[in-house]
Amino acid sequence: MNNHNVIDFLIENSNIAIRYRTKRDLLKNTEEANKIHDELLYSERAVFLLNCLNHQKEFHGATLYAVENSLNMLIDMGFQYEKGFSEFDKIVNSITEKIKNKKIDDNHVLGTLNHVVTVPFLLRAGIRDDYLINFTKERINLIYDFVKQKNYDIYDDVNKYKNIPKNFQNRPFIKHCLYENGKMKFPLEYDLYGFASLFSELNFEYQCKINEIISYILDDKFSQIADDYGVLTDKKNYWAMGWTPKVTDLKKEYCYNPLLLKLDLMSNFSVAKKSKWFSQSIEFINQFVDEKGFYHYPKNYLTEKNSCWILANRMSLGENRKRKNALLIEGTFRTLLILEKVKTKQ
């Protein structure tokens, strides 16, 4: 069975989200996708997620009422700004105004966190507001100025800190100079989604800076950094900082394997697609393909649980997981999408 037959199978056997995105993103047939647009818009899953997004309680968090989760799950289903999803447009416009009006507290260690979390995903949704673009450019400049030094020595002498709470003991402390005034100079997983969304629209200078940041992350030295970065502190309070944008370790056993989400993200960057890690990863996932072209991943590659989307814990695209072919359909679609992006230059 060739790719064409696999795509026919997806169209005939998948839920509305995968059928819609197969026609739009794999077949590049917008006209055919538009014919089932309303079916997607009024599907039970879409209506539920739109309601969660409309009644959001926070920008960052693990529930569906956190913007970072319900927004990305809708994008995964095919929702995009100004593409005929009027209710979606209304909600994301409102969220954009909220994040623009939310004051950044330069005196707080996490003063920019809500913006760092939310701005990239609004760009991923298709919004091109000057505030979002300028914020992302500031992040590019800030991170680039750090990574161009090729400095991977980000940890402080923990003995400098006294009376460390038990929960934060035996964990690395990030040097304070790397997050002064709440401006984190090290790249976060969130940043990469903003960079990926804007890359083709930025000038050559900014594209070069992003490539430098991606190269910094791909360096073997970056793999030595803790999976959850480390601890931030203002000497009175302590916070655990996660979201290290490390590439997936192909030799590591994960409870929830992020490889497919990571490949989808990194396939947006040509410097990543040319890397040894990327070629090894593509070779690695080919062990799961059968002679007909379908991908059979272990369940933990397509995890669906109440946690953060960015941690690859909300990988469902709406297939009924009780159905025999659910994981095969979702895994095959996600892989074909990655392979399609591999062909695209960026």
C-alpha atoms as a PDB file:
ATOM      1  CA  MET A   1       0.000   0.000   0.000  1.00  0.00           C
ATOM      2  CA  ASN A   2       1.492   3.372  -0.989  1.00  0.00           C
ATOM      3  CA  ASN A   3       1.063   6.783   0.619  1.00  0.00           C
ATOM      4  CA  HIS A   4      -1.971   7.533  -1.520  1.00  0.00           C
ATOM      5  CA  ASN A   5      -3.728   4.417  -0.249  1.00  0.00           C
ATOM      6  CA  VAL A   6      -2.859   5.310   3.349  1.00  0.00           C
ATOM      7  CA  ILE A   7      -4.321   8.780   2.886  1.00  0.00           C
ATOM      8  CA  ASP A   8      -7.474   7.283   1.361  1.00  0.00           C
ATOM      9  CA  PHE A   9      -7.736   5.065   4.430  1.00  0.00           C
ATOM     10  CA  LEU A  10      -7.413   8.078   6.761  1.00  0.00           C
ATOM     11  CA  ILE A  11     -10.144   9.954   4.896  1.00  0.00           C
ATOM     12  CA  GLU A  12     -12.476   6.959   4.968  1.00  0.00           C
ATOM     13  CA  ASN A  13     -11.867   5.821   8.553  1.00  0.00           C
ATOM     14  CA  SER A  14     -10.871   8.837  10.673  1.00  0.00           C
ATOM     15  CA  ASN A  15     -12.757  11.361  12.744  1.00  0.00           C
ATOM     16  CA  ILE A  16     -13.558  14.789  11.353  1.00  0.00           C
ATOM     17  CA  ALA A  17     -10.377  16.496  12.592  1.00  0.00           C
ATOM     18  CA  ILE A  18      -8.033  14.045  10.868  1.00  0.00           C
ATOM     19  CA  ARG A  19     -10.169  13.973   7.724  1.00  0.00           C
ATOM     20  CA  TYR A  20     -10.144  17.775   7.577  1.00  0.00           C
ATOM     21  CA  ARG A  21      -6.401  18.087   8.178  1.00  0.00           C
ATOM     22  CA  THR A  22      -5.586  15.252   5.783  1.00  0.00           C
ATOM     23  CA  LYS A  23      -7.356  17.120   2.999  1.00  0.00           C
ATOM     24  CA  ARG A  24      -5.935  20.516   3.966  1.00  0.00           C
ATOM     25  CA  ASP A  25      -2.395  19.668   5.072  1.00  0.00           C
ATOM     26  CA  LEU A  26      -1.486  16.421   3.314  1.00  0.00           C
ATOM     27  CA  LEU A  27      -3.434  16.698   0.067  1.00  0.00           C
ATOM     28  CA  LYS A  28      -3.224  20.519   0.033  1.00  0.00           C
ATOM     29  CA  ASN A  29      -6.822  20.556  -1.151  1.00  0.00           C
ATOM     30  CA  THR A  30      -8.405  23.539   0.590  1.00  0.00           C
ATOM     31  CA  GLU A  31     -11.548  23.293  -1.515  1.00  0.00           C
ATOM     32  CA  GLU A  32     -12.264  19.747  -0.347  1.00  0.00           C
ATOM     33  CA  ALA A  33     -11.366  20.626   3.250  1.00  0.00           C
ATOM     34  CA  ASN A  34     -13.806  23.543   3.203  1.00  0.00           C
ATOM     35  CA  LYS A  35     -16.633  21.184   2.285  1.00  0.00           C
ATOM     36  CA  ILE A  36     -16.349  19.553   5.729  1.00  0.00           C
ATOM     37  CA  HIS A  37     -15.428  22.753   7.578  1.00  0.00           C
ATOM     38  CA  ASP A  38     -18.768  23.049   9.375  1.00  0.00           C
ATOM     39  CA  GLU A  39     -18.692  19.409  10.427  1.00  0.00           C
ATOM     40  CA  LEU A  40     -15.394  20.146  12.201  1.00  0.00           C
ATOM     41  CA  LEU A  41     -16.620  23.419  13.680  1.00  0.00           C
ATOM     42  CA  TYR A  42     -19.724  21.850  15.235  1.00  0.00           C
ATOM     43  CA  SER A  43     -18.191  18.522  16.243  1.00  0.00           C
ATOM     44  CA  GLU A  44     -18.644  17.549  19.879  1.00  0.00           C
ATOM     45  CA  ARG A  45     -14.930  17.760  20.694  1.00  0.00           C
ATOM     46  CA  ALA A  46     -14.518  21.170  19.051  1.00  0.00           C
ATOM     47  CA  VAL A  47     -17.543  22.645  20.819  1.00  0.00           C
ATOM     48  CA  PHE A  48     -16.261  21.332  24.158  1.00  0.00           C
ATOM     49  CA  LEU A  49     -12.734  22.717  23.688  1.00  0.00           C
ATOM     50  CA  LEU A  50     -14.030  26.063  22.465  1.00  0.00           C
ATOM     51  CA  ASN A  51     -16.102  26.287  25.621  1.00  0.00           C
ATOM     52  CA  CYS A  52     -13.032  25.515  27.755  1.00  0.00           C
ATOM     53  CA  LEU A  53     -10.988  28.130  25.921  1.00  0.00           C
ATOM     54  CA  ASN A  54     -13.761  30.706  26.182  1.00  0.00           C
ATOM     55  CA  HIS A  55     -13.975  30.152  29.940  1.00  0.00           C
ATOM     56  CA  GLN A  56     -10.246  30.011  30.493  1.00  0.00           C
ATOM     57  CA  LYS A  57      -9.122  30.345  34.099  1.00  0.00           C
ATOM     58  CA  GLU A  58      -5.383  30.742  33.514  1.00  0.00           C
ATOM     59  CA  PHE A  59      -2.788  31.093  30.799  1.00  0.00           C
ATOM     60  CA  HIS A  60      -0.517  28.370  32.161  1.00  0.00           C
ATOM     61  CA  GLY A  61      -1.578  25.134  33.822  1.00  0.00           C
ATOM     62  CA  ALA A  62      -2.445  21.492  33.320  1.00  0.00           C
ATOM     63  CA  THR A  63      -6.235  21.673  32.893  1.00  0.00           C
ATOM     64  CA  LEU A  64      -8.279  22.285  29.765  1.00  0.00           C
ATOM     65  CA  TYR A  65      -9.150  25.704  31.198  1.00  0.00           C
ATOM     66  CA  ALA A  66      -5.519  26.750  30.784  1.00  0.00           C
ATOM     67  CA  VAL A  67      -5.079  28.577  27.476  1.00  0.00           C
ATOM     68  CA  GLU A  68      -1.955  26.603  26.560  1.00  0.00           C
ATOM     69  CA  ASN A  69      -3.872  23.327  26.438  1.00  0.00           C
ATOM     70  CA  SER A  70      -7.295  23.934  24.907  1.00  0.00           C
ATOM     71  CA  LEU A  71      -5.869  26.397  22.349  1.00  0.00           C
ATOM     72  CA  ASN A  72      -3.251  23.942  21.081  1.00  0.00           C
ATOM     73  CA  MET A  73      -5.694  21.056  21.004  1.00  0.00           C
ATOM     74  CA  LEU A  74      -7.991  23.123  18.785  1.00  0.00           C
ATOM     75  CA  ILE A  75      -5.067  24.034  16.535  1.00  0.00           C
ATOM     76  CA  ASP A  76      -4.202  20.339  16.315  1.00  0.00           C
ATOM     77  CA  MET A  77      -7.763  19.710  15.155  1.00  0.00           C
ATOM     78  CA  GLY A  78      -7.313  22.236  12.346  1.00  0.00           C
ATOM     79  CA  PHE A  79      -8.542  25.510  13.805  1.00  0.00           C
ATOM     80  CA  GLN A  80      -6.702  28.591  12.497  1.00  0.00           C
ATOM     81  CA  TYR A  81      -7.303  32.310  12.863  1.00  0.00           C
ATOM     82  CA  GLU A  82      -9.311  33.979  10.080  1.00  0.00           C
ATOM     83  CA  LYS A  83      -9.935  30.689   8.302  1.00  0.00           C
ATOM     84  CA  GLY A  84     -13.686  30.623   8.773  1.00  0.00           C
ATOM     85  CA  PHE A  85     -13.807  29.704  12.474  1.00  0.00           C
ATOM     86  CA  SER A  86     -15.569  32.846  13.689  1.00  0.00           C
ATOM     87  CA  GLU A  87     -16.134  31.734  17.293  1.00  0.00           C
ATOM     88  CA  PHE A  88     -12.489  30.679  17.552  1.00  0.00           C
ATOM     89  CA  ASP A  89     -11.399  34.063  16.131  1.00  0.00           C
ATOM     90  CA  LYS A  90     -13.485  35.910  18.693  1.00  0.00           C
ATOM     91  CA  ILE A  91     -12.021  33.954  21.604  1.00  0.00           C
ATOM     92  CA  VAL A  92      -8.369  34.198  20.531  1.00  0.00           C
ATOM     93  CA  ASN A  93      -8.785  37.921  19.854  1.00  0.00           C
ATOM     94  CA  SER A  94      -9.984  38.274  23.434  1.00  0.00           C
ATOM     95  CA  ILE A  95      -7.025  36.265  24.762  1.00  0.00           C
ATOM     96  CA  THR A  96      -4.644  38.390  22.703  1.00  0.00           C
ATOM     97  CA  GLU A  97      -6.019  41.553  24.270  1.00  0.00           C
ATOM     98  CA  LYS A  98      -5.743  40.023  27.739  1.00  0.00           C
ATOM     99  CA  ILE A  99      -2.083  39.111  27.305  1.00  0.00           C
ATOM    100  CA  LYS A 100      -1.311  42.521  25.786  1.00  0.00           C
ATOM    101  CA  ASN A 101      -2.910  44.249  28.745  1.00  0.00           C
ATOM    102  CA  LYS A 102      -1.337  41.994  31.353  1.00  0.00           C
ATOM    103  CA  LYS A 103       1.451  43.970  32.984  1.00  0.00           C
ATOM    104  CA  ILE A 104       4.895  42.401  33.029  1.00  0.00           C
ATOM    105  CA  ASP A 105       6.381  42.611  36.511  1.00  0.00           C
ATOM    106  CA  ASP A 106      10.116  43.218  36.057  1.00  0.00           C
ATOM    107  CA  ASN A 107      10.598  42.760  39.790  1.00  0.00           C
ATOM    108  CA  HIS A 108       9.333  39.181  39.823  1.00  0.00           C
ATOM    109  CA  VAL A 109      11.422  36.186  38.803  1.00  0.00           C
ATOM    110  CA  LEU A 110       8.485  34.833  36.767  1.00  0.00           C
ATOM    111  CA  GLY A 111       7.265  38.228  35.629  1.00  0.00           C
ATOM    112  CA  THR A 112       7.216  37.300  31.938  1.00  0.00           C
ATOM    113  CA  LEU A 113       6.081  33.684  32.306  1.00  0.00           C
ATOM    114  CA  ASN A 114       2.454  34.121  31.218  1.00  0.00           C
ATOM    115  CA  HIS A 115       3.617  35.953  28.110  1.00  0.00           C
ATOM    116  CA  VAL A 116       6.350  33.414  27.341  1.00  0.00           C
ATOM    117  CA  VAL A 117       3.738  30.651  27.590  1.00  0.00           C
ATOM    118  CA  THR A 118       0.896  32.311  25.681  1.00  0.00           C
ATOM    119  CA  VAL A 119       2.406  34.450  22.914  1.00  0.00           C
ATOM    120  CA  PRO A 120       3.938  31.538  20.942  1.00  0.00           C
ATOM    121  CA  PHE A 121       0.640  29.679  20.793  1.00  0.00           C
ATOM    122  CA  LEU A 122      -1.331  32.730  19.658  1.00  0.00           C
ATOM    123  CA  LEU A 123       1.188  32.984  16.818  1.00  0.00           C
ATOM    124  CA  ARG A 124       0.744  29.252  16.190  1.00  0.00           C
ATOM    125  CA  ALA A 125      -2.995  29.903  15.931  1.00  0.00           C
ATOM    126  CA  GLY A 126      -2.285  32.354  13.107  1.00  0.00           C
ATOM    127  CA  ILE A 127      -2.627  35.731  14.821  1.00  0.00           C
ATOM    128  CA  ARG A 128      -0.153  38.353  13.596  1.00  0.00           C
ATOM    129  CA  ASP A 129      -0.478  41.174  16.086  1.00  0.00           C
ATOM    130  CA  ASP A 130       2.448  43.621  16.348  1.00  0.00           C
ATOM    131  CA  TYR A 131       2.675  43.114  20.101  1.00  0.00           C
ATOM    132  CA  LEU A 132       3.045  39.338  19.707  1.00  0.00           C
ATOM    133  CA  ILE A 133       5.633  39.710  16.956  1.00  0.00           C
ATOM    134  CA  ASN A 134       7.672  42.303  18.868  1.00  0.00           C
ATOM    135  CA  PHE A 135       7.586  40.226  22.057  1.00  0.00           C
ATOM    136  CA  THR A 136       8.893  37.234  20.123  1.00  0.00           C
ATOM    137  CA  LYS A 137      11.650  39.292  18.505  1.00  0.00           C
ATOM    138  CA  GLU A 138      12.708  40.460  21.962  1.00  0.00           C
ATOM    139  CA  ARG A 139      12.881  36.830  23.080  1.00  0.00           C
ATOM    140  CA  ILE A 140      14.971  35.952  20.018  1.00  0.00           C
ATOM    141  CA  ASN A 141      17.415  38.781  20.708  1.00  0.00           C
ATOM    142  CA  LEU A 142      17.650  38.029  24.417  1.00  0.00           C
ATOM    143  CA  ILE A 143      18.260  34.298  23.956  1.00  0.00           C
ATOM    144  CA  TYR A 144      20.598  34.775  20.997  1.00  0.00           C
ATOM    145  CA  ASP A 145      22.825  37.148  22.963  1.00  0.00           C
ATOM    146  CA  PHE A 146      23.290  34.345  25.483  1.00  0.00           C
ATOM    147  CA  VAL A 147      23.600  31.275  23.243  1.00  0.00           C
ATOM    148  CA  LYS A 148      26.067  32.891  20.828  1.00  0.00           C
ATOM    149  CA  GLN A 149      28.609  32.637  23.648  1.00  0.00           C
ATOM    150  CA  LYS A 150      28.273  28.819  23.462  1.00  0.00           C
ATOM    151  CA  ASN A 151      28.078  28.831  27.237  1.00  0.00           C
ATOM    152  CA  TYR A 152      26.485  25.745  28.763  1.00  0.00           C
ATOM    153  CA  ASP A 153      27.626  26.535  32.293  1.00  0.00           C
ATOM    154  CA  ILE A 154      24.274  27.759  33.553  1.00  0.00           C
ATOM    155  CA  TYR A 155      24.361  26.493  37.126  1.00  0.00           C
ATOM    156  CA  ASP A 156      25.381  28.312  40.265  1.00  0.00           C
ATOM    157  CA  ASP A 157      27.252  27.100  43.336  1.00  0.00           C
ATOM    158  CA  VAL A 158      24.401  25.777  45.464  1.00  0.00           C
ATOM    159  CA  ASN A 159      26.428  26.434  48.628  1.00  0.00           C
ATOM    160  CA  LYS A 160      25.743  30.134  48.135  1.00  0.00           C
ATOM    161  CA  TYR A 161      22.122  29.529  49.056  1.00  0.00           C
ATOM    162  CA  LYS A 162      21.055  29.080  52.665  1.00  0.00           C
ATOM    163  CA  ASN A 163      17.944  27.537  54.199  1.00  0.00           C
ATOM    164  CA  ILE A 164      16.840  25.899  50.973  1.00  0.00           C
ATOM    165  CA  PRO A 165      13.372  24.329  51.353  1.00  0.00           C
ATOM    166  CA  LYS A 166      13.398  20.549  51.338  1.00  0.00           C
ATOM    167  CA  ASN A 167      11.551  20.317  48.006  1.00  0.00           C
ATOM    168  CA  PHE A 168      14.362  22.219  46.283  1.00  0.00           C
ATOM    169  CA  GLN A 169      17.344  20.538  47.846  1.00  0.00           C
ATOM    170  CA  ASN A 170      19.572  18.360  45.676  1.00  0.00           C
ATOM    171  CA  ARG A 171      18.485  20.252  42.574  1.00  0.00           C
ATOM    172  CA  PRO A 172      20.643  22.566  40.429  1.00  0.00           C
ATOM    173  CA  PHE A 173      20.231  26.309  40.819  1.00  0.00           C
ATOM    174  CA  ILE A 174      20.313  28.431  37.677  1.00  0.00           C
ATOM    175  CA  LYS A 175      22.633  31.433  37.814  1.00  0.00           C
ATOM    176  CA  HIS A 176      20.676  34.521  38.759  1.00  0.00           C
ATOM    177  CA  CYS A 177      22.196  36.580  35.947  1.00  0.00           C
ATOM    178  CA  LEU A 178      20.291  34.370  33.483  1.00  0.00           C
ATOM    179  CA  TYR A 179      16.888  35.506  34.713  1.00  0.00           C
ATOM    180  CA  GLU A 180      17.397  39.028  36.053  1.00  0.00           C
ATOM    181  CA  ASN A 181      14.247  41.163  35.975  1.00  0.00           C
ATOM    182  CA  GLY A 182      12.240  38.085  35.073  1.00  0.00           C
ATOM    183  CA  LYS A 183      13.785  37.966  31.595  1.00  0.00           C
ATOM    184  CA  MET A 184      14.922  34.386  31.084  1.00  0.00           C
ATOM    185  CA  LYS A 185      17.939  34.301  28.777  1.00  0.00           C
ATOM    186  CA  PHE A 186      17.888  30.540  28.293  1.00  0.00           C
ATOM    187  CA  PRO A 187      15.548  29.041  25.654  1.00  0.00           C
ATOM    188  CA  LEU A 188      12.329  27.394  26.757  1.00  0.00           C
ATOM    189  CA  GLU A 189      10.267  24.845  24.872  1.00  0.00           C
ATOM    190  CA  TYR A 190       7.550  27.488  24.528  1.00  0.00           C
ATOM    191  CA  ASP A 191       9.894  29.852  22.695  1.00  0.00           C
ATOM    192  CA  LEU A 192      10.455  27.372  19.872  1.00  0.00           C
ATOM    193  CA  TYR A 193       6.775  27.374  18.938  1.00  0.00           C
ATOM    194  CA  GLY A 194       6.834  31.130  18.492  1.00  0.00           C
ATOM    195  CA  PHE A 195      10.049  30.936  16.483  1.00  0.00           C
ATOM    196  CA  ALA A 196       8.617  28.179  14.272  1.00  0.00           C
ATOM    197  CA  SER A 197       5.410  30.112  13.632  1.00  0.00           C
ATOM    198  CA  LEU A 198       7.198  33.302  12.577  1.00  0.00           C
ATOM    199  CA  PHE A 199      10.376  31.959  10.970  1.00  0.00           C
ATOM    200  CA  SER A 200       9.414  32.312   7.297  1.00  0.00           C
ATOM    201  CA  GLU A 201       8.069  35.821   7.911  1.00  0.00           C
ATOM    202  CA  LEU A 202      11.217  37.169   9.592  1.00  0.00           C
ATOM    203  CA  ASN A 203      14.164  38.807   7.894  1.00  0.00           C
ATOM    204  CA  PHE A 204      17.465  37.019   7.315  1.00  0.00           C
ATOM    205  CA  GLU A 205      19.045  38.416  10.490  1.00  0.00           C
ATOM    206  CA  TYR A 206      16.357  37.001  12.744  1.00  0.00           C
ATOM    207  CA  GLN A 207      16.334  33.683  10.892  1.00  0.00           C
ATOM    208  CA  CYS A 208      20.089  33.387  11.489  1.00  0.00           C
ATOM    209  CA  LYS A 209      19.579  34.105  15.181  1.00  0.00           C
ATOM    210  CA  ILE A 210      16.904  31.425  15.456  1.00  0.00           C
ATOM    211  CA  ASN A 211      19.162  28.937  13.665  1.00  0.00           C
ATOM    212  CA  GLU A 212      21.895  29.739  16.181  1.00  0.00           C
ATOM    213  CA  ILE A 213      19.494  29.073  19.048  1.00  0.00           C
ATOM    214  CA  ILE A 214      18.403  25.753  17.516  1.00  0.00           C
ATOM    215  CA  SER A 215      22.044  24.774  16.974  1.00  0.00           C
ATOM    216  CA  TYR A 216      22.774  25.549  20.622  1.00  0.00           C
ATOM    217  CA  ILE A 217      19.973  23.203  21.671  1.00  0.00           C
ATOM    218  CA  LEU A 218      21.113  20.454  19.303  1.00  0.00           C
ATOM    219  CA  ASP A 219      24.661  20.490  20.671  1.00  0.00           C
ATOM    220  CA  ASP A 220      25.543  17.439  22.764  1.00  0.00           C
ATOM    221  CA  LYS A 221      26.554  19.786  25.591  1.00  0.00           C
ATOM    222  CA  PHE A 222      22.937  20.872  25.945  1.00  0.00           C
ATOM    223  CA  SER A 223      21.913  17.282  26.623  1.00  0.00           C
ATOM    224  CA  GLN A 224      23.889  17.486  29.877  1.00  0.00           C
ATOM    225  CA  ILE A 225      21.565  20.185  31.219  1.00  0.00           C
ATOM    226  CA  ALA A 226      18.897  18.925  33.620  1.00  0.00           C
ATOM    227  CA  ASP A 227      15.618  17.815  32.040  1.00  0.00           C
ATOM    228  CA  ASP A 228      13.784  20.367  34.171  1.00  0.00           C
ATOM    229  CA  TYR A 229      16.405  23.121  33.996  1.00  0.00           C
ATOM    230  CA  GLY A 230      16.608  23.836  37.741  1.00  0.00           C
ATOM    231  CA  VAL A 231      15.633  26.248  40.486  1.00  0.00           C
ATOM    232  CA  LEU A 232      15.011  29.989  40.308  1.00  0.00           C
ATOM    233  CA  THR A 233      14.996  32.136  43.432  1.00  0.00           C
ATOM    234  CA  ASP A 234      14.748  35.696  44.679  1.00  0.00           C
ATOM    235  CA  LYS A 235      16.482  34.574  47.885  1.00  0.00           C
ATOM    236  CA  LYS A 236      13.120  34.422  49.702  1.00  0.00           C
ATOM    237  CA  ASN A 237      11.028  32.265  47.401  1.00  0.00           C
ATOM    238  CA  TYR A 238      11.925  29.318  45.196  1.00  0.00           C
ATOM    239  CA  TRP A 239      10.470  28.046  41.916  1.00  0.00           C
ATOM    240  CA  ALA A 240      11.180  24.939  39.863  1.00  0.00           C
ATOM    241  CA  MET A 241      11.821  25.847  36.225  1.00  0.00           C
ATOM    242  CA  GLY A 242      11.017  23.211  33.627  1.00  0.00           C
ATOM    243  CA  TRP A 243      10.445  23.193  29.857  1.00  0.00           C
ATOM    244  CA  THR A 244      14.017  22.495  28.828  1.00  0.00           C
ATOM    245  CA  PRO A 245      13.875  22.256  25.008  1.00  0.00           C
ATOM    246  CA  LYS A 246      16.093  19.195  24.819  1.00  0.00           C
ATOM    247  CA  VAL A 247      15.616  16.834  21.904  1.00  0.00           C
ATOM    248  CA  THR A 248      14.142  13.444  22.689  1.00  0.00           C
ATOM    249  CA  ASP A 249      16.702  10.877  23.786  1.00  0.00           C
ATOM    250  CA  LEU A 250      16.164   7.880  21.511  1.00  0.00           C
ATOM    251  CA  LYS A 251      17.772   5.534  24.025  1.00  0.00           C
ATOM    252  CA  LYS A 252      15.746   6.687  27.021  1.00  0.00           C
ATOM    253  CA  GLU A 253      12.626   4.999  28.350  1.00  0.00           C
ATOM    254  CA  TYR A 254       9.912   7.629  28.808  1.00  0.00           C
ATOM    255  CA  CYS A 255       6.639   7.223  30.651  1.00  0.00           C
ATOM    256  CA  TYR A 256       5.181   9.601  28.054  1.00  0.00           C
ATOM    257  CA  ASN A 257       7.383   9.644  24.967  1.00  0.00           C
ATOM    258  CA  PRO A 258       7.499  13.133  23.385  1.00  0.00           C
ATOM    259  CA  LEU A 259       9.254  12.106  20.156  1.00  0.00           C
ATOM    260  CA  LEU A 260       6.373  12.720  17.729  1.00  0.00           C
ATOM    261  CA  LEU A 261       5.562  16.138  19.175  1.00  0.00           C
ATOM    262  CA  LYS A 262       9.260  17.053  19.207  1.00  0.00           C
ATOM    263  CA  LEU A 263       9.776  15.944  15.603  1.00  0.00           C
ATOM    264  CA  ASP A 264       6.735  17.932  14.531  1.00  0.00           C
ATOM    265  CA  LEU A 265       8.191  21.027  16.202  1.00  0.00           C
ATOM    266  CA  MET A 266      11.781  20.620  15.021  1.00  0.00           C
ATOM    267  CA  SER A 267      10.714  19.857  11.450  1.00  0.00           C
ATOM    268  CA  ASN A 268       9.993  23.575  11.165  1.00  0.00           C
ATOM    269  CA  PHE A 269      13.722  24.392  11.241  1.00  0.00           C
ATOM    270  CA  SER A 270      16.068  23.485   8.382  1.00  0.00           C
ATOM    271  CA  VAL A 271      19.073  23.488  10.717  1.00  0.00           C
ATOM    272  CA  ALA A 272      17.316  20.863  12.818  1.00  0.00           C
ATOM    273  CA  LYS A 273      16.245  18.759   9.822  1.00  0.00           C
ATOM    274  CA  LYS A 274      19.895  18.592   8.736  1.00  0.00           C
ATOM    275  CA  SER A 275      21.040  17.426  12.152  1.00  0.00           C
ATOM    276  CA  LYS A 276      22.231  13.958  13.103  1.00  0.00           C
ATOM    277  CA  TRP A 277      19.522  13.722  15.765  1.00  0.00           C
ATOM    278  CA  PHE A 278      16.756  14.390  13.254  1.00  0.00           C
ATOM    279  CA  SER A 279      17.924  11.808  10.716  1.00  0.00           C
ATOM    280  CA  GLN A 280      18.375   9.244  13.495  1.00  0.00           C
ATOM    281  CA  SER A 281      14.881  10.024  14.786  1.00  0.00           C
ATOM    282  CA  ILE A 282      13.289   9.517  11.373  1.00  0.00           C
ATOM    283  CA  GLU A 283      15.125   6.230  11.074  1.00  0.00           C
ATOM    284  CA  PHE A 284      13.980   5.333  14.590  1.00  0.00           C
ATOM    285  CA  ILE A 285      10.263   5.850  13.913  1.00  0.00           C
ATOM    286  CA  ASN A 286      10.512   3.777  10.750  1.00  0.00           C
ATOM    287  CA  GLN A 287      10.781   0.703  12.958  1.00  0.00           C
ATOM    288  CA  PHE A 288       7.081   1.189  13.688  1.00  0.00           C
ATOM    289  CA  VAL A 289       5.864   1.232  10.056  1.00  0.00           C
ATOM    290  CA  ASP A 290       4.361  -1.858   8.455  1.00  0.00           C
ATOM    291  CA  GLU A 291       4.572  -2.959   4.830  1.00  0.00           C
ATOM    292  CA  LYS A 292       1.354  -1.100   4.029  1.00  0.00           C
ATOM    293  CA  GLY A 293       2.637   2.260   5.309  1.00  0.00           C
ATOM    294  CA  PHE A 294       0.820   2.418   8.656  1.00  0.00           C
ATOM    295  CA  TYR A 295       2.614   3.332  11.884  1.00  0.00           C
ATOM    296  CA  HIS A 296       2.061   1.231  15.011  1.00  0.00           C
ATOM    297  CA  TYR A 297       3.395   3.192  17.984  1.00  0.00           C
ATOM    298  CA  PRO A 298       3.360   2.094  21.600  1.00  0.00           C
ATOM    299  CA  LYS A 299       0.569   3.760  23.553  1.00  0.00           C
ATOM    300  CA  ASN A 300       2.961   6.064  25.437  1.00  0.00           C
ATOM    301  CA  TYR A 301       3.913   7.782  22.159  1.00  0.00           C
ATOM    302  CA  LEU A 302       0.357   9.092  21.871  1.00  0.00           C
ATOM    303  CA  THR A 303      -0.477   9.828  25.480  1.00  0.00           C
ATOM    304  CA  GLU A 304      -3.766  11.444  26.437  1.00  0.00           C
ATOM    305  CA  LYS A 305      -3.985  12.504  30.076  1.00  0.00           C
ATOM    306  CA  ASN A 306      -4.808  15.523  32.207  1.00  0.00           C
ATOM    307  CA  SER A 307      -1.549  17.397  31.952  1.00  0.00           C
ATOM    308  CA  CYS A 308       0.189  19.997  29.779  1.00  0.00           C
ATOM    309  CA  TRP A 309      -0.061  19.786  25.993  1.00  0.00           C
ATOM    310  CA  ILE A 310       3.555  20.898  25.617  1.00  0.00           C
ATOM    311  CA  LEU A 311       4.737  17.816  27.535  1.00  0.00           C
ATOM    312  CA  ALA A 312       3.162  15.565  24.865  1.00  0.00           C
ATOM    313  CA  ASN A 313       0.462  14.516  27.305  1.00  0.00           C
ATOM    314  CA  ARG A 314      -2.470  15.575  25.140  1.00  0.00           C
ATOM    315  CA  MET A 315      -1.684  13.781  21.885  1.00  0.00           C
ATOM    316  CA  SER A 316      -5.208  12.668  21.048  1.00  0.00           C
ATOM    317  CA  LEU A 317      -6.710  14.075  17.857  1.00  0.00           C
ATOM    318  CA  GLY A 318     -10.181  12.973  18.828  1.00  0.00           C
ATOM    319  CA  GLU A 319     -10.205   9.331  17.784  1.00  0.00           C
ATOM    320  CA  ASN A 320     -12.179   7.061  20.066  1.00  0.00           C
ATOM    321  CA  ARG A 321      -9.358   5.342  21.945  1.00  0.00           C
ATOM    322  CA  LYS A 322     -11.582   2.311  22.478  1.00  0.00           C
ATOM    323  CA  ARG A 323     -11.508   1.649  18.738  1.00  0.00           C
ATOM    324  CA  LYS A 324      -8.962  -0.883  17.540  1.00  0.00           C
ATOM    325  CA  ASN A 325      -7.419   1.446  14.938  1.00  0.00           C
ATOM    326  CA  ALA A 326      -7.410   4.655  16.986  1.00  0.00           C
ATOM    327  CA  LEU A 327      -3.683   4.765  17.746  1.00  0.00           C
ATOM    328  CA  LEU A 328      -2.795   3.523  14.261  1.00  0.00           C
ATOM    329  CA  ILE A 329      -4.843   6.335  12.685  1.00  0.00           C
ATOM    330  CA  GLU A 330      -3.499   9.104  14.923  1.00  0.00           C
ATOM    331  CA  GLY A 331       0.096   7.880  14.802  1.00  0.00           C
ATOM    332  CA  THR A 332       0.050   7.453  11.034  1.00  0.00           C
ATOM    333  CA  PHE A 333      -1.460  10.892  10.457  1.00  0.00           C
ATOM    334  CA  ARG A 334       1.038  12.594  12.761  1.00  0.00           C
ATOM    335  CA  THR A 335       3.934  10.836  11.044  1.00  0.00           C
ATOM    336  CA  LEU A 336       2.766  11.712   7.536  1.00  0.00           C
ATOM    337  CA  LEU A 337       2.461  15.325   8.640  1.00  0.00           C
ATOM    338  CA  ILE A 338       6.052  15.288   9.934  1.00  0.00           C
ATOM    339  CA  LEU A 339       7.327  13.703   6.720  1.00  0.00           C
ATOM    340  CA  GLU A 340       5.433  16.307   4.686  1.00  0.00           C
ATOM    341  CA  LYS A 341       7.145  19.091   6.636  1.00  0.00           C
ATOM    342  CA  VAL A 342      10.532  17.424   6.134  1.00  0.00           C
ATOM    343  CA  LYS A 343      10.127  18.166   2.414  1.00  0.00           C
ATOM    344  CA  THR A 344       9.519  21.850   3.062  1.00  0.00           C
ATOM    345  CA  LYS A 345      12.505  24.185   3.130  1.00  0.00           C
ATOM    346  CA  GLN A 346      12.768  26.621   6.049  1.00  0.00           C
END
